[in-house]
Amino acid sequence: MKVLWSWLLEMCDLDNVPSVEEGASALTRLGIEIEGLTNLGGGFKGVVVAEVVGKRPHPNADKLTLVDVITERGGTATQVVCGAPNVPEPGRKVLWAQVGAELPTKDGGTFTLGLKPVKGVDSPGMLCADDELGLSDDHAGIVVLEEDDRTALGSPAQRRRRRRSRSTTGCSRSMRPRTAAICWATLVSRASWSRRCAASSCCPTPI
């Protein structure tokens, strides 16, 4: 079982938020052994937060969409070809792997994106789904950030906040507890987690 560090932090109010490593150490001392830490944003680079400003059908393929995105307010829009069924309306943010971006492969390697013709239309990179970033096995659609997401346009994808919905899965750290039941009990009880944080030397007393 993997547990997001950001989810654990939602269970308690802390004056000073400990690092992922400090939190893992504290949980281990409390009897919840952590098998390892995974940096969910460490498998790719060159992927940025972009805003959709327009979309239209691909002229040569019914299941493809031409999506105009920007990475700065007032900036020039770039047209990207996308095959996902959930391309949002203008105004929503997505994750754009630009030309030169490096994405993970299933065998543990990486590959570099370039300008690629798709059904006769050049696509400078791609709009990404979770599995294409190595975040999960989900390929139901591209990542679409929440309507109220405040991540600045052009920011690396790793900087956006991770929330619970699939459409906004982002880049954080995950933990693999050996005893899932104990970890889940910790997660579902805010008071219990706060007391555990207070008992740890690396976590300040919760409010």
C-alpha atoms as a PDB file:
ATOM      1  CA  MET A   1       0.000   0.000   0.000  1.00  0.00           C
ATOM      2  CA  LYS A   2       1.275   3.464  -0.904  1.00  0.00           C
ATOM      3  CA  VAL A   3       0.296   6.518   1.137  1.00  0.00           C
ATOM      4  CA  LEU A   4       0.811  10.087   0.010  1.00  0.00           C
ATOM      5  CA  TRP A   5       2.732  12.318   2.367  1.00  0.00           C
ATOM      6  CA  SER A   6       0.335  15.155   1.527  1.00  0.00           C
ATOM      7  CA  TRP A   7      -2.586  12.988   2.693  1.00  0.00           C
ATOM      8  CA  LEU A   8      -0.886  12.368   6.019  1.00  0.00           C
ATOM      9  CA  LEU A   9      -0.367  16.106   6.494  1.00  0.00           C
ATOM     10  CA  GLU A  10      -4.098  16.673   6.002  1.00  0.00           C
ATOM     11  CA  MET A  11      -4.697  14.633   9.145  1.00  0.00           C
ATOM     12  CA  CYS A  12      -3.082  17.164  11.478  1.00  0.00           C
ATOM     13  CA  ASP A  13      -2.323  20.862  11.913  1.00  0.00           C
ATOM     14  CA  LEU A  14       1.364  21.538  12.477  1.00  0.00           C
ATOM     15  CA  ASP A  15       3.161  24.790  13.150  1.00  0.00           C
ATOM     16  CA  ASN A  16       6.173  23.529  11.218  1.00  0.00           C
ATOM     17  CA  VAL A  17       5.708  20.864   8.573  1.00  0.00           C
ATOM     18  CA  PRO A  18       8.391  18.149   8.805  1.00  0.00           C
ATOM     19  CA  SER A  19      10.128  16.855   5.709  1.00  0.00           C
ATOM     20  CA  VAL A  20       9.084  13.579   4.143  1.00  0.00           C
ATOM     21  CA  GLU A  21      12.193  11.916   5.527  1.00  0.00           C
ATOM     22  CA  GLU A  22      11.508  13.225   9.052  1.00  0.00           C
ATOM     23  CA  GLY A  23       7.921  12.019   8.852  1.00  0.00           C
ATOM     24  CA  ALA A  24       8.985   8.553   7.707  1.00  0.00           C
ATOM     25  CA  SER A  25      11.479   8.359  10.567  1.00  0.00           C
ATOM     26  CA  ALA A  26       8.819   9.409  13.077  1.00  0.00           C
ATOM     27  CA  LEU A  27       6.342   6.799  11.803  1.00  0.00           C
ATOM     28  CA  THR A  28       9.002   4.089  11.994  1.00  0.00           C
ATOM     29  CA  ARG A  29       9.776   5.003  15.618  1.00  0.00           C
ATOM     30  CA  LEU A  30       6.061   4.741  16.361  1.00  0.00           C
ATOM     31  CA  GLY A  31       5.963   1.171  15.049  1.00  0.00           C
ATOM     32  CA  ILE A  32       4.768   1.847  11.489  1.00  0.00           C
ATOM     33  CA  GLU A  33       7.647   0.576   9.396  1.00  0.00           C
ATOM     34  CA  ILE A  34       8.212   2.431   6.123  1.00  0.00           C
ATOM     35  CA  GLU A  35       9.657   0.230   3.401  1.00  0.00           C
ATOM     36  CA  GLY A  36      10.668   3.115   1.173  1.00  0.00           C
ATOM     37  CA  LEU A  37      10.007   6.571  -0.225  1.00  0.00           C
ATOM     38  CA  THR A  38       9.164   7.353  -3.837  1.00  0.00           C
ATOM     39  CA  ASN A  39       9.510  10.773  -5.401  1.00  0.00           C
ATOM     40  CA  LEU A  40       6.563  10.839  -7.787  1.00  0.00           C
ATOM     41  CA  GLY A  41       8.030  13.750  -9.709  1.00  0.00           C
ATOM     42  CA  GLY A  42      11.493  12.332 -10.111  1.00  0.00           C
ATOM     43  CA  GLY A  43      10.827  10.266 -13.230  1.00  0.00           C
ATOM     44  CA  PHE A  44      10.275  13.105 -15.678  1.00  0.00           C
ATOM     45  CA  LYS A  45      11.368  16.621 -16.523  1.00  0.00           C
ATOM     46  CA  GLY A  46      10.392  19.318 -18.978  1.00  0.00           C
ATOM     47  CA  VAL A  47       6.682  18.997 -18.132  1.00  0.00           C
ATOM     48  CA  VAL A  48       4.979  22.294 -17.273  1.00  0.00           C
ATOM     49  CA  VAL A  49       1.608  23.615 -16.191  1.00  0.00           C
ATOM     50  CA  ALA A  50      -0.228  25.104 -19.175  1.00  0.00           C
ATOM     51  CA  GLU A  51      -3.664  26.605 -19.704  1.00  0.00           C
ATOM     52  CA  VAL A  52      -6.010  25.548 -22.462  1.00  0.00           C
ATOM     53  CA  VAL A  53      -7.119  28.577 -24.476  1.00  0.00           C
ATOM     54  CA  GLY A  54      -8.762  26.818 -27.377  1.00  0.00           C
ATOM     55  CA  LYS A  55      -9.583  23.447 -28.884  1.00  0.00           C
ATOM     56  CA  ARG A  56     -11.017  22.084 -32.110  1.00  0.00           C
ATOM     57  CA  PRO A  57     -11.312  18.753 -33.932  1.00  0.00           C
ATOM     58  CA  HIS A  58      -8.317  17.407 -35.812  1.00  0.00           C
ATOM     59  CA  PRO A  59      -9.033  17.787 -39.561  1.00  0.00           C
ATOM     60  CA  ASN A  60      -7.821  14.275 -40.364  1.00  0.00           C
ATOM     61  CA  ALA A  61      -8.854  12.203 -37.341  1.00  0.00           C
ATOM     62  CA  ASP A  62     -12.162  12.067 -35.502  1.00  0.00           C
ATOM     63  CA  LYS A  63     -10.648  10.976 -32.180  1.00  0.00           C
ATOM     64  CA  LEU A  64      -7.916  13.607 -32.057  1.00  0.00           C
ATOM     65  CA  THR A  65      -8.162  17.206 -30.835  1.00  0.00           C
ATOM     66  CA  LEU A  66      -6.038  20.236 -31.613  1.00  0.00           C
ATOM     67  CA  VAL A  67      -5.470  22.026 -28.315  1.00  0.00           C
ATOM     68  CA  ASP A  68      -4.072  25.542 -27.948  1.00  0.00           C
ATOM     69  CA  VAL A  69      -2.130  26.063 -24.713  1.00  0.00           C
ATOM     70  CA  ILE A  70      -0.195  28.915 -23.128  1.00  0.00           C
ATOM     71  CA  THR A  71       2.437  28.950 -20.383  1.00  0.00           C
ATOM     72  CA  GLU A  72       2.178  32.645 -19.518  1.00  0.00           C
ATOM     73  CA  ARG A  73      -0.586  35.233 -19.454  1.00  0.00           C
ATOM     74  CA  GLY A  74      -0.770  37.008 -22.798  1.00  0.00           C
ATOM     75  CA  GLY A  75       1.727  34.557 -24.288  1.00  0.00           C
ATOM     76  CA  THR A  76       1.571  33.025 -27.738  1.00  0.00           C
ATOM     77  CA  ALA A  77      -0.551  29.876 -27.908  1.00  0.00           C
ATOM     78  CA  THR A  78       0.999  26.608 -29.038  1.00  0.00           C
ATOM     79  CA  GLN A  79      -1.040  23.960 -30.820  1.00  0.00           C
ATOM     80  CA  VAL A  80      -0.671  20.426 -29.438  1.00  0.00           C
ATOM     81  CA  VAL A  81      -2.337  17.305 -30.813  1.00  0.00           C
ATOM     82  CA  CYS A  82      -4.149  15.277 -28.146  1.00  0.00           C
ATOM     83  CA  GLY A  83      -5.943  11.946 -28.325  1.00  0.00           C
ATOM     84  CA  ALA A  84      -7.488  11.982 -24.846  1.00  0.00           C
ATOM     85  CA  PRO A  85     -11.280  12.051 -24.467  1.00  0.00           C
ATOM     86  CA  ASN A  86     -11.249  14.562 -21.587  1.00  0.00           C
ATOM     87  CA  VAL A  87      -9.658  17.659 -23.124  1.00  0.00           C
ATOM     88  CA  PRO A  88     -11.104  20.451 -20.949  1.00  0.00           C
ATOM     89  CA  GLU A  89     -12.745  23.672 -22.014  1.00  0.00           C
ATOM     90  CA  PRO A  90     -10.598  26.811 -22.257  1.00  0.00           C
ATOM     91  CA  GLY A  91      -9.524  28.143 -18.886  1.00  0.00           C
ATOM     92  CA  ARG A  92      -8.491  24.863 -17.298  1.00  0.00           C
ATOM     93  CA  LYS A  93      -4.907  23.815 -16.661  1.00  0.00           C
ATOM     94  CA  VAL A  94      -3.191  20.724 -17.993  1.00  0.00           C
ATOM     95  CA  LEU A  95       0.315  19.265 -18.001  1.00  0.00           C
ATOM     96  CA  TRP A  96       2.268  19.821 -21.198  1.00  0.00           C
ATOM     97  CA  ALA A  97       5.407  17.828 -21.945  1.00  0.00           C
ATOM     98  CA  GLN A  98       7.248  20.189 -24.246  1.00  0.00           C
ATOM     99  CA  VAL A  99       9.779  19.405 -26.945  1.00  0.00           C
ATOM    100  CA  GLY A 100      12.878  18.159 -25.129  1.00  0.00           C
ATOM    101  CA  ALA A 101      10.919  16.811 -22.165  1.00  0.00           C
ATOM    102  CA  GLU A 102      12.028  13.468 -20.749  1.00  0.00           C
ATOM    103  CA  LEU A 103       9.349  10.942 -19.802  1.00  0.00           C
ATOM    104  CA  PRO A 104       9.713   7.530 -18.146  1.00  0.00           C
ATOM    105  CA  THR A 105       9.424   4.224 -19.985  1.00  0.00           C
ATOM    106  CA  LYS A 106       8.008   1.006 -18.573  1.00  0.00           C
ATOM    107  CA  ASP A 107      11.443  -0.600 -18.471  1.00  0.00           C
ATOM    108  CA  GLY A 108      12.789   2.092 -16.155  1.00  0.00           C
ATOM    109  CA  GLY A 109      14.437   4.246 -18.796  1.00  0.00           C
ATOM    110  CA  THR A 110      13.467   7.582 -20.304  1.00  0.00           C
ATOM    111  CA  PHE A 111      12.758   8.967 -23.748  1.00  0.00           C
ATOM    112  CA  THR A 112      12.941  12.500 -25.094  1.00  0.00           C
ATOM    113  CA  LEU A 113      10.014  14.142 -26.853  1.00  0.00           C
ATOM    114  CA  GLY A 114      10.445  15.959 -30.136  1.00  0.00           C
ATOM    115  CA  LEU A 115       8.271  17.647 -32.726  1.00  0.00           C
ATOM    116  CA  LYS A 116       6.141  14.828 -34.118  1.00  0.00           C
ATOM    117  CA  PRO A 117       3.619  14.845 -36.970  1.00  0.00           C
ATOM    118  CA  VAL A 118       0.305  13.288 -35.970  1.00  0.00           C
ATOM    119  CA  LYS A 119      -2.041  12.621 -38.879  1.00  0.00           C
ATOM    120  CA  GLY A 120      -0.481  15.442 -40.863  1.00  0.00           C
ATOM    121  CA  VAL A 121      -0.328  18.013 -38.049  1.00  0.00           C
ATOM    122  CA  ASP A 122       2.893  18.695 -36.146  1.00  0.00           C
ATOM    123  CA  SER A 123       2.631  18.336 -32.366  1.00  0.00           C
ATOM    124  CA  PRO A 124       5.346  19.962 -30.209  1.00  0.00           C
ATOM    125  CA  GLY A 125       5.192  17.521 -27.334  1.00  0.00           C
ATOM    126  CA  MET A 126       2.068  16.148 -25.699  1.00  0.00           C
ATOM    127  CA  LEU A 127      -0.520  16.674 -22.976  1.00  0.00           C
ATOM    128  CA  CYS A 128       0.100  14.040 -20.331  1.00  0.00           C
ATOM    129  CA  ALA A 129      -1.897  11.378 -18.532  1.00  0.00           C
ATOM    130  CA  ASP A 130      -0.847   9.933 -15.168  1.00  0.00           C
ATOM    131  CA  ASP A 131       0.738   6.804 -16.607  1.00  0.00           C
ATOM    132  CA  GLU A 132       2.808   8.796 -19.089  1.00  0.00           C
ATOM    133  CA  LEU A 133       4.434  10.557 -16.137  1.00  0.00           C
ATOM    134  CA  GLY A 134       4.954   7.351 -14.203  1.00  0.00           C
ATOM    135  CA  LEU A 135       2.527   8.450 -11.488  1.00  0.00           C
ATOM    136  CA  SER A 136       0.070   5.559 -11.825  1.00  0.00           C
ATOM    137  CA  ASP A 137      -1.341   3.078 -14.333  1.00  0.00           C
ATOM    138  CA  ASP A 138      -4.273   5.367 -15.125  1.00  0.00           C
ATOM    139  CA  HIS A 139      -4.642   6.180 -18.823  1.00  0.00           C
ATOM    140  CA  ALA A 140      -8.302   7.203 -18.778  1.00  0.00           C
ATOM    141  CA  GLY A 141      -7.437  10.751 -19.805  1.00  0.00           C
ATOM    142  CA  ILE A 142      -4.968  13.577 -19.456  1.00  0.00           C
ATOM    143  CA  VAL A 143      -4.316  15.235 -16.108  1.00  0.00           C
ATOM    144  CA  VAL A 144      -6.626  18.213 -15.632  1.00  0.00           C
ATOM    145  CA  LEU A 145      -6.027  20.449 -12.631  1.00  0.00           C
ATOM    146  CA  GLU A 146      -8.827  21.700 -10.398  1.00  0.00           C
ATOM    147  CA  GLU A 147     -10.641  24.872 -11.451  1.00  0.00           C
ATOM    148  CA  ASP A 148      -9.254  26.772  -8.452  1.00  0.00           C
ATOM    149  CA  ASP A 149      -5.681  25.522  -8.865  1.00  0.00           C
ATOM    150  CA  ARG A 150      -3.246  28.374  -8.237  1.00  0.00           C
ATOM    151  CA  THR A 151      -0.088  26.887  -9.692  1.00  0.00           C
ATOM    152  CA  ALA A 152       1.560  29.509 -11.888  1.00  0.00           C
ATOM    153  CA  LEU A 153       1.534  28.894 -15.620  1.00  0.00           C
ATOM    154  CA  GLY A 154       4.850  27.611 -16.872  1.00  0.00           C
ATOM    155  CA  SER A 155       5.753  26.071 -13.507  1.00  0.00           C
ATOM    156  CA  PRO A 156       7.270  22.586 -13.480  1.00  0.00           C
ATOM    157  CA  ALA A 157       4.575  19.973 -13.003  1.00  0.00           C
ATOM    158  CA  GLN A 158       6.263  18.931  -9.763  1.00  0.00           C
ATOM    159  CA  ARG A 159       5.187  22.196  -8.103  1.00  0.00           C
ATOM    160  CA  ARG A 160       1.468  21.731  -8.338  1.00  0.00           C
ATOM    161  CA  ARG A 161      -0.469  20.624  -5.298  1.00  0.00           C
ATOM    162  CA  ARG A 162      -1.593  17.014  -5.186  1.00  0.00           C
ATOM    163  CA  ARG A 163      -5.226  16.479  -4.339  1.00  0.00           C
ATOM    164  CA  ARG A 164      -7.310  13.380  -3.966  1.00  0.00           C
ATOM    165  CA  SER A 165      -9.129  13.430  -7.323  1.00  0.00           C
ATOM    166  CA  ARG A 166      -7.637  11.490 -10.237  1.00  0.00           C
ATOM    167  CA  SER A 167      -7.731  14.469 -12.550  1.00  0.00           C
ATOM    168  CA  THR A 168      -5.340  16.456 -10.380  1.00  0.00           C
ATOM    169  CA  THR A 169      -2.834  13.837  -9.349  1.00  0.00           C
ATOM    170  CA  GLY A 170       0.442  15.592  -9.002  1.00  0.00           C
ATOM    171  CA  CYS A 171       3.953  15.126  -7.849  1.00  0.00           C
ATOM    172  CA  SER A 172       4.618  14.385  -4.255  1.00  0.00           C
ATOM    173  CA  ARG A 173       6.205  11.651  -2.198  1.00  0.00           C
ATOM    174  CA  SER A 174       4.596   8.335  -1.390  1.00  0.00           C
ATOM    175  CA  MET A 175       5.348   5.921   1.430  1.00  0.00           C
ATOM    176  CA  ARG A 176       5.028   2.139   1.398  1.00  0.00           C
ATOM    177  CA  PRO A 177       4.036   1.032   4.900  1.00  0.00           C
ATOM    178  CA  ARG A 178       4.657  -2.636   5.679  1.00  0.00           C
ATOM    179  CA  THR A 179       1.530  -2.781   7.804  1.00  0.00           C
ATOM    180  CA  ALA A 180      -1.253  -1.209   5.758  1.00  0.00           C
ATOM    181  CA  ALA A 181      -3.923  -1.611   8.451  1.00  0.00           C
ATOM    182  CA  ILE A 182      -1.904   0.357  10.994  1.00  0.00           C
ATOM    183  CA  CYS A 183      -1.135   3.102   8.498  1.00  0.00           C
ATOM    184  CA  TRP A 184      -4.770   3.346   7.414  1.00  0.00           C
ATOM    185  CA  ALA A 185      -5.893   3.602  11.021  1.00  0.00           C
ATOM    186  CA  THR A 186      -3.468   6.472  11.393  1.00  0.00           C
ATOM    187  CA  LEU A 187      -4.831   8.165   8.306  1.00  0.00           C
ATOM    188  CA  VAL A 188      -8.523   8.003   9.172  1.00  0.00           C
ATOM    189  CA  SER A 189      -8.138   9.344  12.688  1.00  0.00           C
ATOM    190  CA  ARG A 190      -7.099  13.010  12.788  1.00  0.00           C
ATOM    191  CA  ALA A 191      -6.853  13.054  16.558  1.00  0.00           C
ATOM    192  CA  SER A 192      -4.796   9.872  16.649  1.00  0.00           C
ATOM    193  CA  TRP A 193      -2.380  11.175  14.035  1.00  0.00           C
ATOM    194  CA  SER A 194      -2.035  14.475  15.865  1.00  0.00           C
ATOM    195  CA  ARG A 195      -1.159  12.669  19.084  1.00  0.00           C
ATOM    196  CA  ARG A 196       1.378  10.549  17.264  1.00  0.00           C
ATOM    197  CA  CYS A 197       2.953  13.658  15.729  1.00  0.00           C
ATOM    198  CA  ALA A 198       3.130  15.260  19.159  1.00  0.00           C
ATOM    199  CA  ALA A 199       4.937  12.193  20.517  1.00  0.00           C
ATOM    200  CA  SER A 200       7.611  12.458  17.854  1.00  0.00           C
ATOM    201  CA  SER A 201      10.691  14.607  18.428  1.00  0.00           C
ATOM    202  CA  CYS A 202      10.697  15.755  14.800  1.00  0.00           C
ATOM    203  CA  CYS A 203       7.119  17.015  14.761  1.00  0.00           C
ATOM    204  CA  PRO A 204       5.960  20.067  16.736  1.00  0.00           C
ATOM    205  CA  THR A 205       2.907  19.934  18.944  1.00  0.00           C
ATOM    206  CA  PRO A 206      -0.225  20.189  16.744  1.00  0.00           C
ATOM    207  CA  ILE A 207      -2.614  23.112  17.168  1.00  0.00           C
END
